[in-house]
Amino acid sequence: MYITSTIKTKSSRLAKPVLCLGTLCTAFLTGLNRVSEYRNHCSDVIAGFILGTAVALFLGMCVVHNFKGTQGSPSKPKPEDPRGVPLMAFPRIESPLETLSAQNHSASMTEVT
């Protein structure tokens, strides 16, 4: 569910299903391997599959849509970026160094011309 909702591919229509099927097959084969090598009981592997499926469904239904782009709803106006807008407009205070450098610059320009 995560792969199909987040990966955007235009070149191949089979890329997402192959990735999804590959991850599911890997999980299934890992579970079978754990049982066949007597590292886990069959009930533990089945419980792990159920728990993993429940977490995946929760993430797919509730969490992934928060990270999607705004491609689905073009009718909403895009809010202005708040980072570029100052919260308060402070008055411009010129420092004495700026006035001194401006005076020196204008004096040197008059000497050159």
PDB file of N, CA and C in Angstrom:
ATOM      1  N   MET A   1       0.831  -1.194   0.000  1.00  0.00           N
ATOM      2  CA  MET A   1       0.000   0.000   0.000  1.00  0.00           C
ATOM      3  C   MET A   1       0.867   1.246   0.000  1.00  0.00           C
ATOM      4  N   TYR A   2       1.952   1.216   0.767  1.00  0.00           N
ATOM      5  CA  TYR A   2       2.847   2.374   0.819  1.00  0.00           C
ATOM      6  C   TYR A   2       3.501   2.598  -0.538  1.00  0.00           C
ATOM      7  N   ILE A   3       3.955   1.532  -1.147  1.00  0.00           N
ATOM      8  CA  ILE A   3       4.633   1.649  -2.442  1.00  0.00           C
ATOM      9  C   ILE A   3       3.666   2.171  -3.494  1.00  0.00           C
ATOM     10  N   THR A   4       2.468   1.650  -3.546  1.00  0.00           N
ATOM     11  CA  THR A   4       1.524   2.079  -4.570  1.00  0.00           C
ATOM     12  C   THR A   4       1.047   3.505  -4.364  1.00  0.00           C
ATOM     13  N   SER A   5       1.052   3.994  -3.136  1.00  0.00           N
ATOM     14  CA  SER A   5       0.557   5.353  -2.915  1.00  0.00           C
ATOM     15  C   SER A   5       1.648   6.412  -2.980  1.00  0.00           C
ATOM     16  N   THR A   6       2.900   6.040  -2.840  1.00  0.00           N
ATOM     17  CA  THR A   6       3.941   7.066  -2.821  1.00  0.00           C
ATOM     18  C   THR A   6       4.798   7.109  -4.077  1.00  0.00           C
ATOM     19  N   ILE A   7       5.059   5.977  -4.694  1.00  0.00           N
ATOM     20  CA  ILE A   7       5.940   5.959  -5.865  1.00  0.00           C
ATOM     21  C   ILE A   7       5.135   6.358  -7.094  1.00  0.00           C
ATOM     22  N   LYS A   8       5.631   7.364  -7.803  1.00  0.00           N
ATOM     23  CA  LYS A   8       4.991   7.815  -9.039  1.00  0.00           C
ATOM     24  C   LYS A   8       5.871   7.406 -10.215  1.00  0.00           C
ATOM     25  N   THR A   9       5.390   6.454 -11.012  1.00  0.00           N
ATOM     26  CA  THR A   9       6.139   6.027 -12.191  1.00  0.00           C
ATOM     27  C   THR A   9       5.272   6.232 -13.419  1.00  0.00           C
ATOM     28  N   LYS A  10       5.852   6.815 -14.441  1.00  0.00           N
ATOM     29  CA  LYS A  10       5.142   6.993 -15.697  1.00  0.00           C
ATOM     30  C   LYS A  10       5.700   6.081 -16.786  1.00  0.00           C
ATOM     31  N   SER A  11       6.912   5.566 -16.563  1.00  0.00           N
ATOM     32  CA  SER A  11       7.557   4.786 -17.612  1.00  0.00           C
ATOM     33  C   SER A  11       7.043   3.348 -17.658  1.00  0.00           C
ATOM     34  N   SER A  12       6.791   2.760 -16.526  1.00  0.00           N
ATOM     35  CA  SER A  12       6.388   1.356 -16.505  1.00  0.00           C
ATOM     36  C   SER A  12       5.177   1.183 -15.603  1.00  0.00           C
ATOM     37  N   ARG A  13       4.159   0.548 -16.147  1.00  0.00           N
ATOM     38  CA  ARG A  13       2.957   0.315 -15.360  1.00  0.00           C
ATOM     39  C   ARG A  13       3.106  -0.902 -14.465  1.00  0.00           C
ATOM     40  N   LEU A  14       4.116  -1.728 -14.711  1.00  0.00           N
ATOM     41  CA  LEU A  14       4.315  -2.934 -13.925  1.00  0.00           C
ATOM     42  C   LEU A  14       5.288  -2.740 -12.764  1.00  0.00           C
ATOM     43  N   ALA A  15       5.917  -1.569 -12.666  1.00  0.00           N
ATOM     44  CA  ALA A  15       6.941  -1.371 -11.637  1.00  0.00           C
ATOM     45  C   ALA A  15       6.356  -1.476 -10.228  1.00  0.00           C
ATOM     46  N   LYS A  16       5.261  -0.805  -9.979  1.00  0.00           N
ATOM     47  CA  LYS A  16       4.672  -0.847  -8.633  1.00  0.00           C
ATOM     48  C   LYS A  16       4.138  -2.228  -8.261  1.00  0.00           C
ATOM     49  N   PRO A  17       3.381  -2.907  -9.127  1.00  0.00           N
ATOM     50  CA  PRO A  17       2.925  -4.248  -8.746  1.00  0.00           C
ATOM     51  C   PRO A  17       4.073  -5.234  -8.525  1.00  0.00           C
ATOM     52  N   VAL A  18       5.129  -5.116  -9.313  1.00  0.00           N
ATOM     53  CA  VAL A  18       6.266  -6.021  -9.133  1.00  0.00           C
ATOM     54  C   VAL A  18       6.955  -5.750  -7.799  1.00  0.00           C
ATOM     55  N   LEU A  19       7.124  -4.473  -7.444  1.00  0.00           N
ATOM     56  CA  LEU A  19       7.718  -4.144  -6.144  1.00  0.00           C
ATOM     57  C   LEU A  19       6.859  -4.657  -4.995  1.00  0.00           C
ATOM     58  N   CYS A  20       5.553  -4.466  -5.107  1.00  0.00           N
ATOM     59  CA  CYS A  20       4.651  -4.932  -4.044  1.00  0.00           C
ATOM     60  C   CYS A  20       4.678  -6.455  -3.921  1.00  0.00           C
ATOM     61  N   LEU A  21       4.591  -7.140  -5.043  1.00  0.00           N
ATOM     62  CA  LEU A  21       4.616  -8.595  -5.017  1.00  0.00           C
ATOM     63  C   LEU A  21       5.958  -9.119  -4.521  1.00  0.00           C
ATOM     64  N   GLY A  22       7.031  -8.442  -4.886  1.00  0.00           N
ATOM     65  CA  GLY A  22       8.358  -8.846  -4.423  1.00  0.00           C
ATOM     66  C   GLY A  22       8.512  -8.737  -2.922  1.00  0.00           C
ATOM     67  N   THR A  23       8.014  -7.654  -2.337  1.00  0.00           N
ATOM     68  CA  THR A  23       8.119  -7.510  -0.879  1.00  0.00           C
ATOM     69  C   THR A  23       7.229  -8.518  -0.156  1.00  0.00           C
ATOM     70  N   LEU A  24       6.029  -8.778  -0.686  1.00  0.00           N
ATOM     71  CA  LEU A  24       5.158  -9.778  -0.063  1.00  0.00           C
ATOM     72  C   LEU A  24       5.757 -11.183  -0.157  1.00  0.00           C
ATOM     73  N   CYS A  25       6.334 -11.526  -1.301  1.00  0.00           N
ATOM     74  CA  CYS A  25       6.967 -12.839  -1.449  1.00  0.00           C
ATOM     75  C   CYS A  25       8.173 -12.989  -0.531  1.00  0.00           C
ATOM     76  N   THR A  26       8.936 -11.933  -0.384  1.00  0.00           N
ATOM     77  CA  THR A  26      10.089 -11.980   0.513  1.00  0.00           C
ATOM     78  C   THR A  26       9.651 -12.217   1.955  1.00  0.00           C
ATOM     79  N   ALA A  27       8.598 -11.534   2.384  1.00  0.00           N
ATOM     80  CA  ALA A  27       8.096 -11.733   3.742  1.00  0.00           C
ATOM     81  C   ALA A  27       7.570 -13.158   3.935  1.00  0.00           C
ATOM     82  N   PHE A  28       6.838 -13.650   2.959  1.00  0.00           N
ATOM     83  CA  PHE A  28       6.287 -15.008   3.058  1.00  0.00           C
ATOM     84  C   PHE A  28       7.398 -16.058   3.088  1.00  0.00           C
ATOM     85  N   LEU A  29       8.380 -15.914   2.205  1.00  0.00           N
ATOM     86  CA  LEU A  29       9.479 -16.885   2.173  1.00  0.00           C
ATOM     87  C   LEU A  29      10.342 -16.815   3.434  1.00  0.00           C
ATOM     88  N   THR A  30      10.492 -15.630   3.991  1.00  0.00           N
ATOM     89  CA  THR A  30      11.230 -15.503   5.256  1.00  0.00           C
ATOM     90  C   THR A  30      10.498 -16.235   6.376  1.00  0.00           C
ATOM     91  N   GLY A  31       9.177 -16.090   6.414  1.00  0.00           N
ATOM     92  CA  GLY A  31       8.397 -16.814   7.420  1.00  0.00           C
ATOM     93  C   GLY A  31       8.496 -18.318   7.259  1.00  0.00           C
ATOM     94  N   LEU A  32       8.398 -18.799   6.014  1.00  0.00           N
ATOM     95  CA  LEU A  32       8.540 -20.244   5.775  1.00  0.00           C
ATOM     96  C   LEU A  32       9.933 -20.736   6.160  1.00  0.00           C
ATOM     97  N   ASN A  33      10.945 -19.950   5.875  1.00  0.00           N
ATOM     98  CA  ASN A  33      12.317 -20.327   6.220  1.00  0.00           C
ATOM     99  C   ASN A  33      12.490 -20.419   7.738  1.00  0.00           C
ATOM    100  N   ARG A  34      11.902 -19.464   8.462  1.00  0.00           N
ATOM    101  CA  ARG A  34      12.017 -19.486   9.926  1.00  0.00           C
ATOM    102  C   ARG A  34      11.376 -20.747  10.510  1.00  0.00           C
ATOM    103  N   VAL A  35      10.232 -21.163   9.948  1.00  0.00           N
ATOM    104  CA  VAL A  35       9.552 -22.358  10.447  1.00  0.00           C
ATOM    105  C   VAL A  35      10.317 -23.619  10.041  1.00  0.00           C
ATOM    106  N   SER A  36      10.798 -23.673   8.808  1.00  0.00           N
ATOM    107  CA  SER A  36      11.476 -24.885   8.332  1.00  0.00           C
ATOM    108  C   SER A  36      12.822 -25.106   9.020  1.00  0.00           C
ATOM    109  N   GLU A  37      13.463 -24.072   9.493  1.00  0.00           N
ATOM    110  CA  GLU A  37      14.735 -24.230  10.213  1.00  0.00           C
ATOM    111  C   GLU A  37      14.543 -24.338  11.725  1.00  0.00           C
ATOM    112  N   TYR A  38      13.297 -24.462  12.161  1.00  0.00           N
ATOM    113  CA  TYR A  38      12.942 -24.610  13.575  1.00  0.00           C
ATOM    114  C   TYR A  38      13.439 -23.447  14.429  1.00  0.00           C
ATOM    115  N   ARG A  39      13.424 -22.272  13.888  1.00  0.00           N
ATOM    116  CA  ARG A  39      13.794 -21.079  14.671  1.00  0.00           C
ATOM    117  C   ARG A  39      12.569 -20.448  15.325  1.00  0.00           C
ATOM    118  N   ASN A  40      11.407 -20.584  14.688  1.00  0.00           N
ATOM    119  CA  ASN A  40      10.154 -20.069  15.232  1.00  0.00           C
ATOM    120  C   ASN A  40       9.067 -21.123  15.049  1.00  0.00           C
ATOM    121  N   HIS A  41       8.041 -21.031  15.896  1.00  0.00           N
ATOM    122  CA  HIS A  41       6.872 -21.884  15.731  1.00  0.00           C
ATOM    123  C   HIS A  41       5.988 -21.302  14.633  1.00  0.00           C
ATOM    124  N   CYS A  42       5.178 -22.154  14.071  1.00  0.00           N
ATOM    125  CA  CYS A  42       4.282 -21.724  12.996  1.00  0.00           C
ATOM    126  C   CYS A  42       3.304 -20.661  13.498  1.00  0.00           C
ATOM    127  N   SER A  43       2.834 -20.818  14.728  1.00  0.00           N
ATOM    128  CA  SER A  43       1.899 -19.829  15.277  1.00  0.00           C
ATOM    129  C   SER A  43       2.569 -18.456  15.455  1.00  0.00           C
ATOM    130  N   ASP A  44       3.872 -18.445  15.783  1.00  0.00           N
ATOM    131  CA  ASP A  44       4.587 -17.174  15.907  1.00  0.00           C
ATOM    132  C   ASP A  44       4.686 -16.462  14.562  1.00  0.00           C
ATOM    133  N   VAL A  45       4.952 -17.230  13.526  1.00  0.00           N
ATOM    134  CA  VAL A  45       5.074 -16.636  12.185  1.00  0.00           C
ATOM    135  C   VAL A  45       3.725 -16.109  11.713  1.00  0.00           C
ATOM    136  N   ILE A  46       2.666 -16.865  11.955  1.00  0.00           N
ATOM    137  CA  ILE A  46       1.328 -16.408  11.559  1.00  0.00           C
ATOM    138  C   ILE A  46       0.943 -15.153  12.335  1.00  0.00           C
ATOM    139  N   ALA A  47       1.258 -15.126  13.632  1.00  0.00           N
ATOM    140  CA  ALA A  47       0.985 -13.925  14.418  1.00  0.00           C
ATOM    141  C   ALA A  47       1.791 -12.732  13.902  1.00  0.00           C
ATOM    142  N   GLY A  48       3.015 -12.966  13.483  1.00  0.00           N
ATOM    143  CA  GLY A  48       3.823 -11.897  12.910  1.00  0.00           C
ATOM    144  C   GLY A  48       3.246 -11.381  11.605  1.00  0.00           C
ATOM    145  N   PHE A  49       2.744 -12.289  10.766  1.00  0.00           N
ATOM    146  CA  PHE A  49       2.094 -11.877   9.528  1.00  0.00           C
ATOM    147  C   PHE A  49       0.852 -11.031   9.814  1.00  0.00           C
ATOM    148  N   ILE A  50       0.057 -11.471  10.782  1.00  0.00           N
ATOM    149  CA  ILE A  50      -1.158 -10.720  11.128  1.00  0.00           C
ATOM    150  C   ILE A  50      -0.807  -9.353  11.691  1.00  0.00           C
ATOM    151  N   LEU A  51       0.177  -9.313  12.573  1.00  0.00           N
ATOM    152  CA  LEU A  51       0.592  -8.040  13.151  1.00  0.00           C
ATOM    153  C   LEU A  51       1.172  -7.101  12.080  1.00  0.00           C
ATOM    154  N   GLY A  52       1.991  -7.645  11.199  1.00  0.00           N
ATOM    155  CA  GLY A  52       2.552  -6.825  10.120  1.00  0.00           C
ATOM    156  C   GLY A  52       1.488  -6.311   9.176  1.00  0.00           C
ATOM    157  N   THR A  53       0.501  -7.143   8.873  1.00  0.00           N
ATOM    158  CA  THR A  53      -0.602  -6.722   8.014  1.00  0.00           C
ATOM    159  C   THR A  53      -1.423  -5.625   8.679  1.00  0.00           C
ATOM    160  N   ALA A  54      -1.658  -5.759   9.985  1.00  0.00           N
ATOM    161  CA  ALA A  54      -2.426  -4.737  10.691  1.00  0.00           C
ATOM    162  C   ALA A  54      -1.691  -3.400  10.705  1.00  0.00           C
ATOM    163  N   VAL A  55      -0.394  -3.426  10.950  1.00  0.00           N
ATOM    164  CA  VAL A  55       0.392  -2.187  10.942  1.00  0.00           C
ATOM    165  C   VAL A  55       0.413  -1.578   9.540  1.00  0.00           C
ATOM    166  N   ALA A  56       0.556  -2.424   8.518  1.00  0.00           N
ATOM    167  CA  ALA A  56       0.567  -1.924   7.141  1.00  0.00           C
ATOM    168  C   ALA A  56      -0.771  -1.305   6.766  1.00  0.00           C
ATOM    169  N   LEU A  57      -1.863  -1.936   7.170  1.00  0.00           N
ATOM    170  CA  LEU A  57      -3.183  -1.368   6.890  1.00  0.00           C
ATOM    171  C   LEU A  57      -3.371  -0.040   7.607  1.00  0.00           C
ATOM    172  N   PHE A  58      -2.945   0.033   8.858  1.00  0.00           N
ATOM    173  CA  PHE A  58      -3.051   1.296   9.595  1.00  0.00           C
ATOM    174  C   PHE A  58      -2.255   2.391   8.910  1.00  0.00           C
ATOM    175  N   LEU A  59      -1.019   2.089   8.548  1.00  0.00           N
ATOM    176  CA  LEU A  59      -0.185   3.098   7.887  1.00  0.00           C
ATOM    177  C   LEU A  59      -0.768   3.492   6.538  1.00  0.00           C
ATOM    178  N   GLY A  60      -1.255   2.520   5.795  1.00  0.00           N
ATOM    179  CA  GLY A  60      -1.815   2.811   4.484  1.00  0.00           C
ATOM    180  C   GLY A  60      -3.089   3.620   4.547  1.00  0.00           C
ATOM    181  N   MET A  61      -3.931   3.344   5.527  1.00  0.00           N
ATOM    182  CA  MET A  61      -5.214   4.031   5.616  1.00  0.00           C
ATOM    183  C   MET A  61      -5.121   5.384   6.311  1.00  0.00           C
ATOM    184  N   CYS A  62      -4.297   5.485   7.348  1.00  0.00           N
ATOM    185  CA  CYS A  62      -4.329   6.669   8.203  1.00  0.00           C
ATOM    186  C   CYS A  62      -3.129   7.595   8.051  1.00  0.00           C
ATOM    187  N   VAL A  63      -1.968   7.086   7.723  1.00  0.00           N
ATOM    188  CA  VAL A  63      -0.758   7.896   7.795  1.00  0.00           C
ATOM    189  C   VAL A  63      -0.257   8.350   6.430  1.00  0.00           C
ATOM    190  N   VAL A  64      -0.284   7.476   5.437  1.00  0.00           N
ATOM    191  CA  VAL A  64       0.345   7.777   4.148  1.00  0.00           C
ATOM    192  C   VAL A  64      -0.319   8.956   3.462  1.00  0.00           C
ATOM    193  N   HIS A  65      -1.634   9.126   3.609  1.00  0.00           N
ATOM    194  CA  HIS A  65      -2.295  10.237   2.920  1.00  0.00           C
ATOM    195  C   HIS A  65      -1.831  11.599   3.446  1.00  0.00           C
ATOM    196  N   ASN A  66      -1.221  11.643   4.628  1.00  0.00           N
ATOM    197  CA  ASN A  66      -0.677  12.906   5.135  1.00  0.00           C
ATOM    198  C   ASN A  66       0.560  13.338   4.375  1.00  0.00           C
ATOM    199  N   PHE A  67       1.282  12.406   3.761  1.00  0.00           N
ATOM    200  CA  PHE A  67       2.513  12.718   3.068  1.00  0.00           C
ATOM    201  C   PHE A  67       2.336  12.838   1.563  1.00  0.00           C
ATOM    202  N   LYS A  68       1.119  12.697   1.079  1.00  0.00           N
ATOM    203  CA  LYS A  68       0.878  12.829  -0.353  1.00  0.00           C
ATOM    204  C   LYS A  68       0.927  14.287  -0.755  1.00  0.00           C
ATOM    205  N   GLY A  69       1.211  14.535  -2.023  1.00  0.00           N
ATOM    206  CA  GLY A  69       1.225  15.891  -2.556  1.00  0.00           C
ATOM    207  C   GLY A  69      -0.192  16.397  -2.766  1.00  0.00           C
ATOM    208  N   THR A  70      -0.312  17.608  -3.281  1.00  0.00           N
ATOM    209  CA  THR A  70      -1.625  18.218  -3.509  1.00  0.00           C
ATOM    210  C   THR A  70      -2.098  17.991  -4.932  1.00  0.00           C
ATOM    211  N   GLN A  71      -1.705  16.885  -5.575  1.00  0.00           N
ATOM    212  CA  GLN A  71      -2.114  16.613  -6.942  1.00  0.00           C
ATOM    213  C   GLN A  71      -3.583  16.224  -7.019  1.00  0.00           C
ATOM    214  N   GLY A  72      -4.123  15.618  -5.970  1.00  0.00           N
ATOM    215  CA  GLY A  72      -5.493  15.139  -6.007  1.00  0.00           C
ATOM    216  C   GLY A  72      -6.535  16.234  -5.938  1.00  0.00           C
ATOM    217  N   SER A  73      -6.242  17.372  -5.334  1.00  0.00           N
ATOM    218  CA  SER A  73      -7.231  18.432  -5.173  1.00  0.00           C
ATOM    219  C   SER A  73      -6.685  19.754  -5.712  1.00  0.00           C
ATOM    220  N   PRO A  74      -6.816  20.001  -7.028  1.00  0.00           N
ATOM    221  CA  PRO A  74      -6.303  21.245  -7.583  1.00  0.00           C
ATOM    222  C   PRO A  74      -7.203  22.441  -7.296  1.00  0.00           C
ATOM    223  N   SER A  75      -8.416  22.206  -6.752  1.00  0.00           N
ATOM    224  CA  SER A  75      -9.334  23.315  -6.517  1.00  0.00           C
ATOM    225  C   SER A  75      -8.930  24.166  -5.318  1.00  0.00           C
ATOM    226  N   LYS A  76      -8.153  23.608  -4.397  1.00  0.00           N
ATOM    227  CA  LYS A  76      -7.737  24.368  -3.225  1.00  0.00           C
ATOM    228  C   LYS A  76      -6.660  25.379  -3.613  1.00  0.00           C
ATOM    229  N   PRO A  77      -6.792  26.617  -3.182  1.00  0.00           N
ATOM    230  CA  PRO A  77      -5.704  27.572  -3.449  1.00  0.00           C
ATOM    231  C   PRO A  77      -4.522  27.270  -2.551  1.00  0.00           C
ATOM    232  N   LYS A  78      -3.345  27.385  -3.102  1.00  0.00           N
ATOM    233  CA  LYS A  78      -2.131  27.089  -2.346  1.00  0.00           C
ATOM    234  C   LYS A  78      -1.833  28.258  -1.410  1.00  0.00           C
ATOM    235  N   PRO A  79      -1.679  27.993  -0.100  1.00  0.00           N
ATOM    236  CA  PRO A  79      -1.398  29.100   0.820  1.00  0.00           C
ATOM    237  C   PRO A  79      -0.002  29.659   0.579  1.00  0.00           C
ATOM    238  N   GLU A  80       0.145  30.929   0.917  1.00  0.00           N
ATOM    239  CA  GLU A  80       1.430  31.587   0.732  1.00  0.00           C
ATOM    240  C   GLU A  80       2.451  31.013   1.695  1.00  0.00           C
ATOM    241  N   ASP A  81       3.680  30.902   1.251  1.00  0.00           N
ATOM    242  CA  ASP A  81       4.753  30.358   2.070  1.00  0.00           C
ATOM    243  C   ASP A  81       5.021  31.308   3.235  1.00  0.00           C
ATOM    244  N   PRO A  82       4.819  30.860   4.488  1.00  0.00           N
ATOM    245  CA  PRO A  82       4.989  31.777   5.619  1.00  0.00           C
ATOM    246  C   PRO A  82       6.445  32.108   5.920  1.00  0.00           C
ATOM    247  N   ARG A  83       7.394  31.343   5.354  1.00  0.00           N
ATOM    248  CA  ARG A  83       8.796  31.624   5.646  1.00  0.00           C
ATOM    249  C   ARG A  83       9.273  32.908   4.981  1.00  0.00           C
ATOM    250  N   GLY A  84       8.647  33.306   3.878  1.00  0.00           N
ATOM    251  CA  GLY A  84       9.092  34.497   3.166  1.00  0.00           C
ATOM    252  C   GLY A  84       8.470  35.771   3.692  1.00  0.00           C
ATOM    253  N   VAL A  85       7.434  35.649   4.509  1.00  0.00           N
ATOM    254  CA  VAL A  85       6.727  36.820   5.007  1.00  0.00           C
ATOM    255  C   VAL A  85       7.172  37.090   6.439  1.00  0.00           C
ATOM    256  N   PRO A  86       7.664  38.301   6.729  1.00  0.00           N
ATOM    257  CA  PRO A  86       8.060  38.586   8.112  1.00  0.00           C
ATOM    258  C   PRO A  86       6.832  38.739   9.004  1.00  0.00           C
ATOM    259  N   LEU A  87       6.997  38.370  10.268  1.00  0.00           N
ATOM    260  CA  LEU A  87       5.890  38.502  11.208  1.00  0.00           C
ATOM    261  C   LEU A  87       5.620  39.959  11.543  1.00  0.00           C
ATOM    262  N   MET A  88       6.672  40.728  11.661  1.00  0.00           N
ATOM    263  CA  MET A  88       6.537  42.157  11.958  1.00  0.00           C
ATOM    264  C   MET A  88       7.462  42.926  11.028  1.00  0.00           C
ATOM    265  N   ALA A  89       7.057  44.107  10.667  1.00  0.00           N
ATOM    266  CA  ALA A  89       7.921  44.956   9.855  1.00  0.00           C
ATOM    267  C   ALA A  89       8.640  45.920  10.803  1.00  0.00           C
ATOM    268  N   PHE A  90       9.944  45.740  10.934  1.00  0.00           N
ATOM    269  CA  PHE A  90      10.725  46.605  11.796  1.00  0.00           C
ATOM    270  C   PHE A  90      11.197  47.823  11.008  1.00  0.00           C
ATOM    271  N   PRO A  91      11.268  48.987  11.649  1.00  0.00           N
ATOM    272  CA  PRO A  91      11.766  50.156  10.927  1.00  0.00           C
ATOM    273  C   PRO A  91      13.242  50.000  10.612  1.00  0.00           C
ATOM    274  N   ARG A  92      13.641  50.563   9.502  1.00  0.00           N
ATOM    275  CA  ARG A  92      15.037  50.480   9.073  1.00  0.00           C
ATOM    276  C   ARG A  92      15.846  51.490   9.841  1.00  0.00           C
ATOM    277  N   ILE A  93      16.836  51.001  10.567  1.00  0.00           N
ATOM    278  CA  ILE A  93      17.727  51.879  11.329  1.00  0.00           C
ATOM    279  C   ILE A  93      19.095  51.790  10.693  1.00  0.00           C
ATOM    280  N   GLU A  94      19.607  52.904  10.266  1.00  0.00           N
ATOM    281  CA  GLU A  94      20.903  52.932   9.611  1.00  0.00           C
ATOM    282  C   GLU A  94      21.996  53.022  10.660  1.00  0.00           C
ATOM    283  N   SER A  95      22.976  52.156  10.529  1.00  0.00           N
ATOM    284  CA  SER A  95      24.056  52.155  11.504  1.00  0.00           C
ATOM    285  C   SER A  95      25.061  53.244  11.154  1.00  0.00           C
ATOM    286  N   PRO A  96      25.823  53.725  12.140  1.00  0.00           N
ATOM    287  CA  PRO A  96      26.837  54.752  11.864  1.00  0.00           C
ATOM    288  C   PRO A  96      27.894  54.269  10.883  1.00  0.00           C
ATOM    289  N   LEU A  97      28.199  52.964  10.880  1.00  0.00           N
ATOM    290  CA  LEU A  97      29.188  52.453   9.930  1.00  0.00           C
ATOM    291  C   LEU A  97      28.686  52.552   8.494  1.00  0.00           C
ATOM    292  N   GLU A  98      27.386  52.318   8.294  1.00  0.00           N
ATOM    293  CA  GLU A  98      26.826  52.440   6.954  1.00  0.00           C
ATOM    294  C   GLU A  98      26.885  53.883   6.465  1.00  0.00           C
ATOM    295  N   THR A  99      26.557  54.835   7.332  1.00  0.00           N
ATOM    296  CA  THR A  99      26.606  56.246   6.910  1.00  0.00           C
ATOM    297  C   THR A  99      28.034  56.668   6.626  1.00  0.00           C
ATOM    298  N   LEU A 100      28.989  56.224   7.448  1.00  0.00           N
ATOM    299  CA  LEU A 100      30.388  56.576   7.235  1.00  0.00           C
ATOM    300  C   LEU A 100      30.908  55.977   5.935  1.00  0.00           C
ATOM    301  N   SER A 101      30.562  54.703   5.665  1.00  0.00           N
ATOM    302  CA  SER A 101      31.032  54.076   4.423  1.00  0.00           C
ATOM    303  C   SER A 101      30.367  54.720   3.211  1.00  0.00           C
ATOM    304  N   ALA A 102      29.109  55.137   3.345  1.00  0.00           N
ATOM    305  CA  ALA A 102      28.433  55.809   2.235  1.00  0.00           C
ATOM    306  C   ALA A 102      29.067  57.163   1.970  1.00  0.00           C
ATOM    307  N   GLN A 103      29.443  57.892   3.025  1.00  0.00           N
ATOM    308  CA  GLN A 103      30.100  59.190   2.849  1.00  0.00           C
ATOM    309  C   GLN A 103      31.472  59.011   2.206  1.00  0.00           C
ATOM    310  N   ASN A 104      32.235  58.003   2.647  1.00  0.00           N
ATOM    311  CA  ASN A 104      33.548  57.742   2.070  1.00  0.00           C
ATOM    312  C   ASN A 104      33.429  57.321   0.611  1.00  0.00           C
ATOM    313  N   HIS A 105      32.402  56.522   0.305  1.00  0.00           N
ATOM    314  CA  HIS A 105      32.209  56.069  -1.062  1.00  0.00           C
ATOM    315  C   HIS A 105      31.837  57.232  -1.981  1.00  0.00           C
ATOM    316  N   SER A 106      30.955  58.120  -1.500  1.00  0.00           N
ATOM    317  CA  SER A 106      30.568  59.264  -2.337  1.00  0.00           C
ATOM    318  C   SER A 106      31.725  60.240  -2.488  1.00  0.00           C
ATOM    319  N   ALA A 107      32.561  60.385  -1.441  1.00  0.00           N
ATOM    320  CA  ALA A 107      33.715  61.276  -1.530  1.00  0.00           C
ATOM    321  C   ALA A 107      34.759  60.716  -2.498  1.00  0.00           C
ATOM    322  N   SER A 108      34.940  59.403  -2.484  1.00  0.00           N
ATOM    323  CA  SER A 108      35.911  58.815  -3.406  1.00  0.00           C
ATOM    324  C   SER A 108      35.403  58.863  -4.843  1.00  0.00           C
ATOM    325  N   MET A 109      34.085  58.789  -5.048  1.00  0.00           N
ATOM    326  CA  MET A 109      33.522  58.877  -6.384  1.00  0.00           C
ATOM    327  C   MET A 109      33.681  60.291  -6.949  1.00  0.00           C
ATOM    328  N   THR A 110      33.557  61.302  -6.109  1.00  0.00           N
ATOM    329  CA  THR A 110      33.722  62.684  -6.603  1.00  0.00           C
ATOM    330  C   THR A 110      35.167  62.960  -6.926  1.00  0.00           C
ATOM    331  N   GLU A 111      36.108  62.359  -6.204  1.00  0.00           N
ATOM    332  CA  GLU A 111      37.521  62.562  -6.492  1.00  0.00           C
ATOM    333  C   GLU A 111      37.908  61.913  -7.811  1.00  0.00           C
ATOM    334  N   VAL A 112      37.305  60.772  -8.136  1.00  0.00           N
ATOM    335  CA  VAL A 112      37.623  60.049  -9.352  1.00  0.00           C
ATOM    336  C   VAL A 112      37.140  60.815 -10.573  1.00  0.00           C
ATOM    337  N   THR A 113      35.956  61.431 -10.478  1.00  0.00           N
ATOM    338  CA  THR A 113      35.391  62.137 -11.617  1.00  0.00           C
ATOM    339  C   THR A 113      35.837  63.534 -11.680  1.00  0.00           C
TER     340      THR A 113
END
